[in-house]
C-alpha cells in the first residue's frame, strides 16, 4: 500500500501511457508481421503469428495496467491494504501470464529471422534469448527473490522490448 501511495501519480501516468501506446502498436504490428512474412517465403505463418501475438499481448496488457492505475488512484482513500495486496499480486501474475504471448512473438519471429543473413540472423537469436527469459519469468513462483512474481518479469519485458525496438530500427533502415 505504501508503494502505491508513494508512487500514485507515476503509476496512474504509467497506466495511461500503456493504453496510449496501443495506437502506434497497431501499424507496427502489421508492418512487423509483413517483414517476418517476407523472410519466410512460401508458407508465411510465423509473421502472422508474431503480429497476432503482439496485438493480443498488448490487448491483454491494457486492462491489467488499468487495474494497476485504479489501485494507485484508490490508494489514498477507500482501498483496504489486504485488497490492494491481492489486486497488486493479480496484476503481477497477469503480466506473468502474458509473458507466454511475448515469448511467442519473440520465438516465432526469431525462427524466421535466423534463416536470414547478417544482423537479422543475430537478431533472431536474440529473439530466442528473449523468449527464454520470458519462459523463466513466467514460471517464477518463488515467494521471494528473483523468481517471485513481478521480479523476473521486468528483465523479460525489457529483453522483448529491446528485441522489438531493434526490429523497428531495422524496418526503418530498410525503407
Protein backbone atom coordinates (compact mmCIF):
# COMPACT_ATOMS: atom_id res chain seq x y z
CA UNK A 1 0.00 0.00 0.00
CA UNK A 2 2.87 2.30 0.82
CA UNK A 3 4.33 1.76 -2.66
CA UNK A 4 1.02 2.68 -4.29
CA UNK A 5 0.61 5.76 -2.11
CA UNK A 6 4.19 6.94 -2.69
CA UNK A 7 4.04 6.37 -6.45
CA UNK A 8 0.40 7.26 -7.04
CA UNK A 9 0.84 9.85 -9.79
CA UNK A 10 3.60 7.97 -11.61
CA UNK A 11 1.56 4.75 -11.54
CA UNK A 12 -1.52 6.46 -12.99
CA UNK A 13 0.59 8.08 -15.73
CA UNK A 14 2.18 4.69 -16.46
CA UNK A 15 -1.27 3.13 -16.85
CA UNK A 16 -2.41 5.87 -19.23
CA UNK A 17 0.76 5.74 -21.34
CA UNK A 18 0.42 1.96 -21.65
CA UNK A 19 -3.06 2.40 -23.11
CA UNK A 20 -1.92 5.19 -25.45
CA UNK A 21 0.95 3.09 -26.79
CA UNK A 22 -1.62 0.77 -28.34
CA UNK A 23 -2.23 3.41 -31.03
CA UNK A 24 1.21 3.21 -32.73
CA UNK A 25 1.38 -0.50 -31.96
CA UNK A 26 -1.33 -1.31 -34.50
CA UNK A 27 0.58 -0.19 -37.61
CA UNK A 28 3.84 -1.50 -36.12
CA UNK A 29 2.38 -4.99 -35.59
CA UNK A 30 1.11 -5.12 -39.16
CA UNK A 31 4.43 -3.93 -40.61
CA UNK A 32 6.38 -6.24 -38.31
CA UNK A 33 4.26 -9.20 -39.44
CA UNK A 34 4.84 -8.28 -43.09
CA UNK A 35 8.60 -8.05 -42.53
CA UNK A 36 8.67 -11.52 -40.98
CA UNK A 37 6.40 -12.96 -43.70
CA UNK A 38 8.80 -11.65 -46.38
CA UNK A 39 11.64 -13.56 -44.75
CA UNK A 40 9.61 -16.76 -44.54
CA UNK A 41 8.98 -17.23 -48.22
CA UNK A 42 6.40 -19.78 -49.32
CA UNK A 43 4.50 -20.53 -46.08
CA UNK A 44 4.25 -17.26 -44.14
CA UNK A 45 2.66 -18.37 -40.87
CA UNK A 46 5.34 -17.12 -38.45
CA UNK A 47 4.80 -13.47 -39.42
CA UNK A 48 1.07 -13.74 -38.91
CA UNK A 49 1.56 -15.49 -35.56
CA UNK A 50 4.08 -12.82 -34.50
CA UNK A 51 1.79 -9.91 -35.39
CA UNK A 52 -1.25 -11.56 -33.78
CA UNK A 53 0.72 -12.39 -30.63
CA UNK A 54 1.91 -8.80 -30.38
CA UNK A 55 -1.62 -7.42 -30.67
CA UNK A 56 -3.16 -9.95 -28.28
CA UNK A 57 -0.40 -9.39 -25.71
CA UNK A 58 -0.96 -5.65 -25.77
CA UNK A 59 -4.73 -6.06 -25.66
CA UNK A 60 -4.27 -8.16 -22.52
CA UNK A 61 -1.75 -5.73 -21.01
CA UNK A 62 -4.01 -2.68 -21.17
CA UNK A 63 -6.70 -3.99 -18.76
CA UNK A 64 -4.06 -5.14 -16.27
CA UNK A 65 -2.40 -1.76 -16.46
CA UNK A 66 -5.74 -0.03 -15.92
CA UNK A 67 -6.28 -2.15 -12.79
CA UNK A 68 -2.84 -1.05 -11.61
CA UNK A 69 -3.74 2.59 -12.31
CA UNK A 70 -7.02 2.11 -10.45
CA UNK A 71 -5.12 0.68 -7.49
CA UNK A 72 -2.94 3.76 -7.43
CA UNK A 73 -5.99 6.01 -7.67
CA UNK A 74 -7.70 4.30 -4.74
CA UNK A 75 -4.56 4.02 -2.60
CA UNK A 76 -5.20 7.38 -0.92
CA UNK A 77 -8.74 6.55 0.07
CA UNK A 78 -11.07 3.63 0.40
CA UNK A 79 -8.79 0.74 -0.56
CA UNK A 80 -8.01 -1.73 2.21
CA UNK A 81 -4.41 -2.92 2.44
CA UNK A 82 -5.29 -6.61 2.02
CA UNK A 83 -7.38 -5.82 -1.08
CA UNK A 84 -4.55 -3.73 -2.51
CA UNK A 85 -2.06 -6.55 -1.91
CA UNK A 86 -4.32 -9.11 -3.60
CA UNK A 87 -5.03 -6.92 -6.61
CA UNK A 88 -1.35 -5.99 -6.93
CA UNK A 89 -0.47 -9.69 -6.93
CA UNK A 90 -3.19 -10.34 -9.53
CA UNK A 91 -1.68 -7.68 -11.79
CA UNK A 92 1.83 -9.17 -11.42
CA UNK A 93 0.60 -12.70 -12.09
CA UNK A 94 -1.43 -11.42 -15.06
CA UNK A 95 1.67 -9.83 -16.52
CA UNK A 96 3.50 -13.10 -15.92
CA UNK A 97 0.85 -14.97 -17.89
CA UNK A 98 1.19 -12.54 -20.78
CA UNK A 99 4.86 -13.42 -20.99
CA UNK A 100 3.79 -16.54 -22.91
CA UNK A 101 2.43 -14.27 -25.62
CA UNK A 102 5.57 -12.10 -25.66
CA UNK A 103 7.68 -15.27 -25.82
CA UNK A 104 5.61 -16.45 -28.78
CA UNK A 105 6.22 -13.17 -30.62
CA UNK A 106 9.97 -13.44 -30.00
CA UNK A 107 10.28 -17.12 -30.88
CA UNK A 108 8.06 -17.07 -33.98
CA UNK A 109 9.72 -14.01 -35.47
CA UNK A 110 13.13 -15.26 -34.31
CA UNK A 111 12.61 -18.51 -36.23
CA UNK A 112 12.12 -16.54 -39.43
CA UNK A 113 15.00 -14.18 -38.72
CA UNK A 114 17.63 -16.86 -38.11
CA UNK A 115 17.17 -18.03 -41.69
CA UNK A 116 18.28 -14.57 -42.90
CA UNK A 117 21.81 -13.22 -43.16
CA UNK A 118 23.79 -10.65 -41.20
CA UNK A 119 22.17 -8.58 -38.47
CA UNK A 120 18.77 -10.21 -38.96
CA UNK A 121 20.22 -13.61 -38.11
CA UNK A 122 21.75 -12.30 -34.86
CA UNK A 123 18.51 -10.55 -34.05
CA UNK A 124 16.71 -13.87 -34.47
CA UNK A 125 18.99 -15.47 -31.88
CA UNK A 126 18.34 -12.52 -29.57
CA UNK A 127 14.62 -13.29 -30.04
CA UNK A 128 15.29 -16.81 -28.77
CA UNK A 129 17.10 -15.40 -25.74
CA UNK A 130 14.22 -13.00 -25.03
CA UNK A 131 11.74 -15.90 -25.31
CA UNK A 132 13.84 -17.95 -22.88
CA UNK A 133 13.85 -15.06 -20.40
CA UNK A 134 10.06 -14.86 -20.72
CA UNK A 135 9.72 -18.60 -20.04
CA UNK A 136 11.88 -18.36 -16.92
CA UNK A 137 9.89 -15.36 -15.67
CA UNK A 138 6.51 -16.96 -16.43
CA UNK A 139 7.37 -19.99 -14.30
CA UNK A 140 8.83 -17.97 -11.46
CA UNK A 141 6.61 -18.76 -8.49
CA UNK A 142 9.06 -18.34 -5.64
CA UNK A 143 7.68 -16.49 -2.62
CA UNK A 144 10.63 -14.09 -2.66
CA UNK A 145 13.77 -13.29 -4.61
CA UNK A 146 14.43 -13.04 -8.33
CA UNK A 147 11.84 -15.62 -9.38
CA UNK A 148 8.95 -14.20 -7.37
CA UNK A 149 6.01 -12.80 -9.35
CA UNK A 150 7.00 -9.36 -10.55
CA UNK A 151 10.77 -9.61 -10.07
CA UNK A 152 11.73 -11.67 -13.13
CA UNK A 153 9.06 -10.04 -15.28
CA UNK A 154 10.86 -6.73 -15.76
CA UNK A 155 14.07 -8.14 -17.34
CA UNK A 156 11.99 -10.37 -19.62
CA UNK A 157 9.81 -7.48 -20.79
CA UNK A 158 12.92 -5.37 -21.21
CA UNK A 159 14.52 -8.05 -23.41
CA UNK A 160 11.41 -8.36 -25.61
CA UNK A 161 11.13 -4.56 -25.80
CA UNK A 162 14.79 -4.30 -26.88
CA UNK A 163 14.16 -7.05 -29.44
CA UNK A 164 11.14 -5.24 -30.88
CA UNK A 165 12.99 -1.91 -30.86
CA UNK A 166 15.89 -3.45 -32.79
CA UNK A 167 13.39 -4.84 -35.30
CA UNK A 168 11.75 -1.43 -35.61
CA UNK A 169 15.13 0.21 -36.28
CA UNK A 170 15.90 -2.34 -38.99
CA UNK A 171 12.47 -1.81 -40.54
CA UNK A 172 13.05 1.96 -40.70
CA UNK A 173 16.53 1.48 -42.16
CA UNK A 174 15.16 -0.85 -44.87
CA UNK A 175 12.83 1.81 -46.29
